[in-house]
Amino acid sequence: MRAAVFRNAGGRVTEDVIRSLHILRAVVSLELVAIVHHTDCGMSHATDQEVRAFAKPKTAAAAAVVDKMDFGMWKEEHLDETVKEDIRKLREETSLGDLEVLGFVLDTQKGAVREVET
């Protein structure tokens, strides 16, 4: 397999991403993961508190659920740090074995990609 793309809000490493990597590795040869976050991401335009304030009034069930959630919102000035954090999460996930993990930032204005050094 040349490449597989997982997309989620913020491109963050979550339990579901780890689950998906296990499934993918069971059916194809996968030795490298590239984490790519991008500038002007919607995740950087709000805070966890703002998401909760929006979601909680929708239903009583939403109010109970969203208070317990970590939405993983972040500010764009911390973009490199979010990539480094996600690289660390995958590298430290011992159940994935010797998976190579790299991280990048895509500048959506310039159309340029740069590697994030760890």
N, C-alpha and C. Protein backbone atom coordinates (compact mmCIF):
# COMPACT_ATOMS: atom_id res chain seq x y z
N MET A 1 0.85 -1.17 0.00
CA MET A 1 0.00 0.00 0.00
C MET A 1 0.89 1.23 0.00
N ARG A 2 0.60 2.17 -0.84
CA ARG A 2 1.40 3.39 -0.94
C ARG A 2 1.02 4.39 0.14
N ALA A 3 -0.29 4.59 0.35
CA ALA A 3 -0.71 5.57 1.35
C ALA A 3 -2.15 5.32 1.75
N ALA A 4 -2.44 5.65 2.98
CA ALA A 4 -3.82 5.65 3.47
C ALA A 4 -4.00 6.96 4.20
N VAL A 5 -5.17 7.54 4.11
CA VAL A 5 -5.43 8.83 4.74
C VAL A 5 -6.53 8.67 5.77
N PHE A 6 -6.22 9.08 7.00
CA PHE A 6 -7.24 9.15 8.06
C PHE A 6 -7.53 10.63 8.25
N ARG A 7 -8.77 10.98 8.27
CA ARG A 7 -9.13 12.38 8.52
C ARG A 7 -10.05 12.44 9.72
N ASN A 8 -9.77 13.38 10.57
CA ASN A 8 -10.67 13.67 11.69
C ASN A 8 -10.49 15.13 12.05
N ALA A 9 -11.31 15.63 12.92
CA ALA A 9 -11.23 17.03 13.31
C ALA A 9 -9.87 17.32 13.92
N GLY A 10 -9.13 18.20 13.29
CA GLY A 10 -7.82 18.59 13.80
C GLY A 10 -6.69 17.66 13.44
N GLY A 11 -6.99 16.54 12.79
CA GLY A 11 -5.95 15.59 12.43
C GLY A 11 -5.25 14.98 13.62
N ARG A 12 -5.91 14.96 14.77
CA ARG A 12 -5.29 14.53 16.02
C ARG A 12 -5.29 13.01 16.17
N VAL A 13 -4.29 12.52 16.88
CA VAL A 13 -4.21 11.10 17.20
C VAL A 13 -5.16 10.83 18.36
N THR A 14 -6.14 9.98 18.11
CA THR A 14 -7.14 9.59 19.10
C THR A 14 -7.14 8.07 19.23
N GLU A 15 -7.91 7.58 20.18
CA GLU A 15 -8.06 6.12 20.32
C GLU A 15 -8.56 5.50 19.02
N ASP A 16 -9.44 6.20 18.31
CA ASP A 16 -9.97 5.65 17.07
C ASP A 16 -8.89 5.59 15.98
N VAL A 17 -7.99 6.54 15.96
CA VAL A 17 -6.88 6.49 15.00
C VAL A 17 -6.00 5.27 15.30
N ILE A 18 -5.71 5.05 16.55
CA ILE A 18 -4.90 3.88 16.93
C ILE A 18 -5.62 2.59 16.56
N ARG A 19 -6.91 2.52 16.83
CA ARG A 19 -7.71 1.35 16.43
C ARG A 19 -7.63 1.15 14.92
N SER A 20 -7.79 2.22 14.16
CA SER A 20 -7.76 2.14 12.70
C SER A 20 -6.39 1.69 12.20
N LEU A 21 -5.32 2.14 12.85
CA LEU A 21 -3.98 1.71 12.45
C LEU A 21 -3.81 0.21 12.68
N HIS A 22 -4.32 -0.31 13.77
CA HIS A 22 -4.24 -1.76 14.01
C HIS A 22 -4.98 -2.53 12.92
N ILE A 23 -6.15 -2.06 12.55
CA ILE A 23 -6.92 -2.73 11.49
C ILE A 23 -6.16 -2.68 10.18
N LEU A 24 -5.66 -1.50 9.82
CA LEU A 24 -4.94 -1.35 8.57
C LEU A 24 -3.70 -2.23 8.53
N ARG A 25 -2.96 -2.28 9.62
CA ARG A 25 -1.75 -3.09 9.66
C ARG A 25 -2.05 -4.59 9.59
N ALA A 26 -3.27 -4.98 9.96
CA ALA A 26 -3.65 -6.39 9.87
C ALA A 26 -3.90 -6.81 8.42
N VAL A 27 -4.20 -5.86 7.56
CA VAL A 27 -4.55 -6.22 6.18
C VAL A 27 -3.55 -5.75 5.13
N VAL A 28 -2.68 -4.81 5.47
CA VAL A 28 -1.67 -4.35 4.51
C VAL A 28 -0.35 -4.11 5.24
N SER A 29 0.70 -4.00 4.48
CA SER A 29 2.01 -3.69 5.05
C SER A 29 2.08 -2.18 5.28
N LEU A 30 2.19 -1.79 6.52
CA LEU A 30 2.25 -0.37 6.86
C LEU A 30 3.40 -0.16 7.84
N GLU A 31 4.39 0.61 7.42
CA GLU A 31 5.57 0.83 8.26
C GLU A 31 5.78 2.29 8.62
N LEU A 32 5.08 3.21 7.94
CA LEU A 32 5.29 4.64 8.13
C LEU A 32 3.96 5.37 8.23
N VAL A 33 3.88 6.28 9.19
CA VAL A 33 2.71 7.15 9.32
C VAL A 33 3.21 8.58 9.26
N ALA A 34 2.55 9.39 8.46
CA ALA A 34 2.85 10.82 8.38
C ALA A 34 1.67 11.58 8.96
N ILE A 35 1.92 12.32 10.01
CA ILE A 35 0.90 13.16 10.62
C ILE A 35 1.01 14.53 9.97
N VAL A 36 -0.11 15.04 9.45
CA VAL A 36 -0.10 16.34 8.79
C VAL A 36 -1.19 17.22 9.40
N HIS A 37 -0.76 18.31 10.01
CA HIS A 37 -1.70 19.33 10.47
C HIS A 37 -1.54 20.52 9.53
N HIS A 38 -2.55 21.39 9.46
CA HIS A 38 -2.45 22.51 8.53
C HIS A 38 -2.81 23.83 9.19
N THR A 39 -2.31 24.90 8.60
CA THR A 39 -2.61 26.24 9.09
C THR A 39 -4.08 26.55 8.82
N ASP A 40 -4.60 27.51 9.54
CA ASP A 40 -5.99 27.95 9.43
C ASP A 40 -6.98 26.81 9.62
N CYS A 41 -6.62 25.87 10.48
CA CYS A 41 -7.51 24.74 10.79
C CYS A 41 -8.66 25.23 11.66
N GLY A 42 -9.85 24.73 11.41
CA GLY A 42 -11.01 25.10 12.20
C GLY A 42 -10.85 24.80 13.67
N MET A 43 -10.04 23.80 14.00
CA MET A 43 -9.81 23.44 15.41
C MET A 43 -9.10 24.56 16.17
N SER A 44 -8.47 25.47 15.44
CA SER A 44 -7.74 26.55 16.11
C SER A 44 -8.59 27.81 16.27
N HIS A 45 -9.84 27.75 15.84
CA HIS A 45 -10.70 28.93 15.87
C HIS A 45 -11.69 28.94 17.03
N ALA A 46 -11.61 27.97 17.91
CA ALA A 46 -12.51 27.92 19.07
C ALA A 46 -11.77 27.23 20.21
N THR A 47 -12.36 27.26 21.38
CA THR A 47 -11.81 26.57 22.54
C THR A 47 -12.76 25.43 22.92
N ASP A 48 -12.28 24.53 23.76
CA ASP A 48 -13.15 23.47 24.28
C ASP A 48 -14.38 24.08 24.94
N GLN A 49 -14.18 25.16 25.68
CA GLN A 49 -15.30 25.80 26.39
C GLN A 49 -16.33 26.35 25.41
N GLU A 50 -15.88 26.91 24.29
CA GLU A 50 -16.81 27.44 23.29
C GLU A 50 -17.61 26.32 22.63
N VAL A 51 -16.96 25.19 22.37
CA VAL A 51 -17.67 24.05 21.80
C VAL A 51 -18.73 23.56 22.78
N ARG A 52 -18.36 23.45 24.05
CA ARG A 52 -19.33 23.02 25.07
C ARG A 52 -20.50 24.00 25.15
N ALA A 53 -20.21 25.30 25.17
CA ALA A 53 -21.26 26.31 25.27
C ALA A 53 -22.22 26.22 24.09
N PHE A 54 -21.72 25.86 22.93
CA PHE A 54 -22.58 25.71 21.76
C PHE A 54 -23.41 24.43 21.84
N ALA A 55 -22.78 23.32 22.24
CA ALA A 55 -23.43 22.01 22.20
C ALA A 55 -24.39 21.76 23.36
N LYS A 56 -24.06 22.24 24.54
CA LYS A 56 -24.85 21.91 25.73
C LYS A 56 -26.32 22.31 25.65
N PRO A 57 -26.68 23.46 25.12
CA PRO A 57 -28.10 23.82 25.09
C PRO A 57 -28.93 23.02 24.09
N LYS A 58 -28.28 22.25 23.23
CA LYS A 58 -29.01 21.52 22.18
C LYS A 58 -29.96 20.48 22.77
N THR A 59 -29.46 19.63 23.66
CA THR A 59 -30.29 18.61 24.30
C THR A 59 -29.73 18.32 25.69
N ALA A 60 -30.54 17.73 26.53
CA ALA A 60 -30.07 17.34 27.86
C ALA A 60 -28.97 16.29 27.75
N ALA A 61 -29.12 15.40 26.79
CA ALA A 61 -28.10 14.36 26.59
C ALA A 61 -26.77 14.99 26.18
N ALA A 62 -26.82 15.99 25.32
CA ALA A 62 -25.59 16.67 24.90
C ALA A 62 -24.90 17.32 26.08
N ALA A 63 -25.68 17.93 26.94
CA ALA A 63 -25.11 18.61 28.11
C ALA A 63 -24.34 17.62 28.98
N ALA A 64 -24.87 16.44 29.17
CA ALA A 64 -24.21 15.43 30.00
C ALA A 64 -22.95 14.88 29.34
N VAL A 65 -22.98 14.74 28.04
CA VAL A 65 -21.86 14.13 27.32
C VAL A 65 -20.72 15.11 27.11
N VAL A 66 -21.01 16.32 26.64
CA VAL A 66 -19.93 17.23 26.25
C VAL A 66 -19.11 17.73 27.43
N ASP A 67 -19.68 17.74 28.63
CA ASP A 67 -18.90 18.15 29.79
C ASP A 67 -17.74 17.21 30.06
N LYS A 68 -17.84 15.96 29.63
CA LYS A 68 -16.81 14.96 29.88
C LYS A 68 -15.80 14.85 28.73
N MET A 69 -16.07 15.53 27.63
CA MET A 69 -15.23 15.39 26.44
C MET A 69 -14.05 16.34 26.43
N ASP A 70 -12.94 15.83 25.91
CA ASP A 70 -11.79 16.67 25.58
C ASP A 70 -11.83 16.83 24.07
N PHE A 71 -12.15 18.01 23.61
CA PHE A 71 -12.27 18.24 22.17
C PHE A 71 -10.92 18.45 21.50
N GLY A 72 -9.90 18.70 22.29
CA GLY A 72 -8.55 18.84 21.73
C GLY A 72 -8.35 20.10 20.93
N MET A 73 -9.10 21.14 21.23
CA MET A 73 -8.94 22.40 20.51
C MET A 73 -7.57 22.99 20.85
N TRP A 74 -7.03 23.79 19.93
CA TRP A 74 -5.72 24.38 20.13
C TRP A 74 -5.63 25.67 19.34
N LYS A 75 -4.66 26.48 19.66
CA LYS A 75 -4.43 27.74 18.96
C LYS A 75 -3.35 27.55 17.90
N GLU A 76 -3.48 28.25 16.78
CA GLU A 76 -2.56 28.04 15.66
C GLU A 76 -1.10 28.28 16.04
N GLU A 77 -0.86 29.17 16.98
CA GLU A 77 0.54 29.41 17.36
C GLU A 77 1.16 28.18 18.02
N HIS A 78 0.35 27.19 18.36
CA HIS A 78 0.85 25.95 18.96
C HIS A 78 0.84 24.79 17.96
N LEU A 79 0.74 25.09 16.69
CA LEU A 79 0.61 24.06 15.66
C LEU A 79 1.74 23.03 15.70
N ASP A 80 2.97 23.47 15.78
CA ASP A 80 4.09 22.53 15.83
C ASP A 80 3.98 21.63 17.07
N GLU A 81 3.54 22.20 18.17
CA GLU A 81 3.41 21.42 19.40
C GLU A 81 2.35 20.33 19.27
N THR A 82 1.25 20.61 18.56
CA THR A 82 0.22 19.57 18.39
C THR A 82 0.75 18.43 17.53
N VAL A 83 1.55 18.76 16.52
CA VAL A 83 2.16 17.72 15.69
C VAL A 83 3.12 16.89 16.54
N LYS A 84 3.97 17.54 17.32
CA LYS A 84 4.91 16.83 18.18
C LYS A 84 4.19 15.94 19.19
N GLU A 85 3.11 16.44 19.75
CA GLU A 85 2.34 15.65 20.72
C GLU A 85 1.77 14.39 20.06
N ASP A 86 1.26 14.53 18.84
CA ASP A 86 0.69 13.37 18.15
C ASP A 86 1.77 12.38 17.72
N ILE A 87 2.92 12.89 17.31
CA ILE A 87 4.05 12.00 17.00
C ILE A 87 4.41 11.19 18.24
N ARG A 88 4.53 11.88 19.36
CA ARG A 88 4.86 11.23 20.63
C ARG A 88 3.84 10.15 20.98
N LYS A 89 2.55 10.46 20.83
CA LYS A 89 1.50 9.48 21.15
C LYS A 89 1.67 8.20 20.36
N LEU A 90 1.91 8.33 19.06
CA LEU A 90 2.04 7.12 18.24
C LEU A 90 3.35 6.39 18.53
N ARG A 91 4.42 7.12 18.71
CA ARG A 91 5.71 6.47 19.00
C ARG A 91 5.68 5.74 20.34
N GLU A 92 4.92 6.27 21.29
CA GLU A 92 4.84 5.65 22.61
C GLU A 92 3.78 4.56 22.70
N GLU A 93 2.99 4.39 21.66
CA GLU A 93 1.95 3.36 21.64
C GLU A 93 2.63 2.02 21.34
N THR A 94 3.02 1.31 22.38
CA THR A 94 3.80 0.08 22.22
C THR A 94 3.05 -1.00 21.45
N SER A 95 1.74 -0.95 21.46
CA SER A 95 0.98 -1.98 20.74
C SER A 95 1.15 -1.87 19.23
N LEU A 96 1.66 -0.74 18.74
CA LEU A 96 1.87 -0.57 17.30
C LEU A 96 3.25 -1.03 16.85
N GLY A 97 4.08 -1.42 17.79
CA GLY A 97 5.40 -1.93 17.42
C GLY A 97 6.31 -0.84 16.89
N ASP A 98 7.11 -1.21 15.88
CA ASP A 98 8.15 -0.32 15.37
C ASP A 98 7.68 0.51 14.18
N LEU A 99 6.58 1.17 14.34
CA LEU A 99 6.02 2.03 13.31
C LEU A 99 6.81 3.33 13.23
N GLU A 100 7.26 3.71 12.04
CA GLU A 100 7.95 4.99 11.87
C GLU A 100 6.90 6.09 11.78
N VAL A 101 7.11 7.17 12.52
CA VAL A 101 6.14 8.27 12.57
C VAL A 101 6.85 9.58 12.28
N LEU A 102 6.36 10.30 11.29
CA LEU A 102 6.87 11.62 10.94
C LEU A 102 5.75 12.63 11.06
N GLY A 103 6.11 13.91 11.21
CA GLY A 103 5.09 14.94 11.33
C GLY A 103 5.38 16.12 10.43
N PHE A 104 4.31 16.72 9.92
CA PHE A 104 4.43 17.83 8.98
C PHE A 104 3.38 18.89 9.25
N VAL A 105 3.67 20.10 8.78
CA VAL A 105 2.69 21.19 8.78
C VAL A 105 2.52 21.65 7.35
N LEU A 106 1.26 21.72 6.91
CA LEU A 106 0.93 22.24 5.59
C LEU A 106 0.49 23.68 5.75
N ASP A 107 1.20 24.59 5.09
CA ASP A 107 0.82 26.01 5.07
C ASP A 107 -0.18 26.18 3.93
N THR A 108 -1.44 26.38 4.27
CA THR A 108 -2.49 26.43 3.25
C THR A 108 -2.42 27.69 2.39
N GLN A 109 -1.78 28.74 2.87
CA GLN A 109 -1.63 29.96 2.08
C GLN A 109 -0.54 29.80 1.02
N LYS A 110 0.56 29.19 1.41
CA LYS A 110 1.70 29.03 0.51
C LYS A 110 1.66 27.73 -0.28
N GLY A 111 0.86 26.77 0.19
CA GLY A 111 0.84 25.47 -0.46
C GLY A 111 2.12 24.69 -0.20
N ALA A 112 2.80 25.01 0.90
CA ALA A 112 4.08 24.38 1.21
C ALA A 112 3.95 23.49 2.44
N VAL A 113 4.70 22.40 2.42
CA VAL A 113 4.73 21.46 3.54
C VAL A 113 6.13 21.47 4.13
N ARG A 114 6.19 21.49 5.46
CA ARG A 114 7.50 21.41 6.12
C ARG A 114 7.44 20.34 7.20
N GLU A 115 8.56 19.66 7.38
CA GLU A 115 8.63 18.63 8.41
C GLU A 115 8.83 19.27 9.78
N VAL A 116 8.17 18.71 10.78
CA VAL A 116 8.33 19.16 12.16
C VAL A 116 9.36 18.26 12.81
N GLU A 117 10.43 18.85 13.27
CA GLU A 117 11.51 18.09 13.92
C GLU A 117 11.13 17.77 15.36
N THR A 118 11.46 16.55 15.79
CA THR A 118 11.18 16.17 17.18
C THR A 118 12.46 15.92 17.93
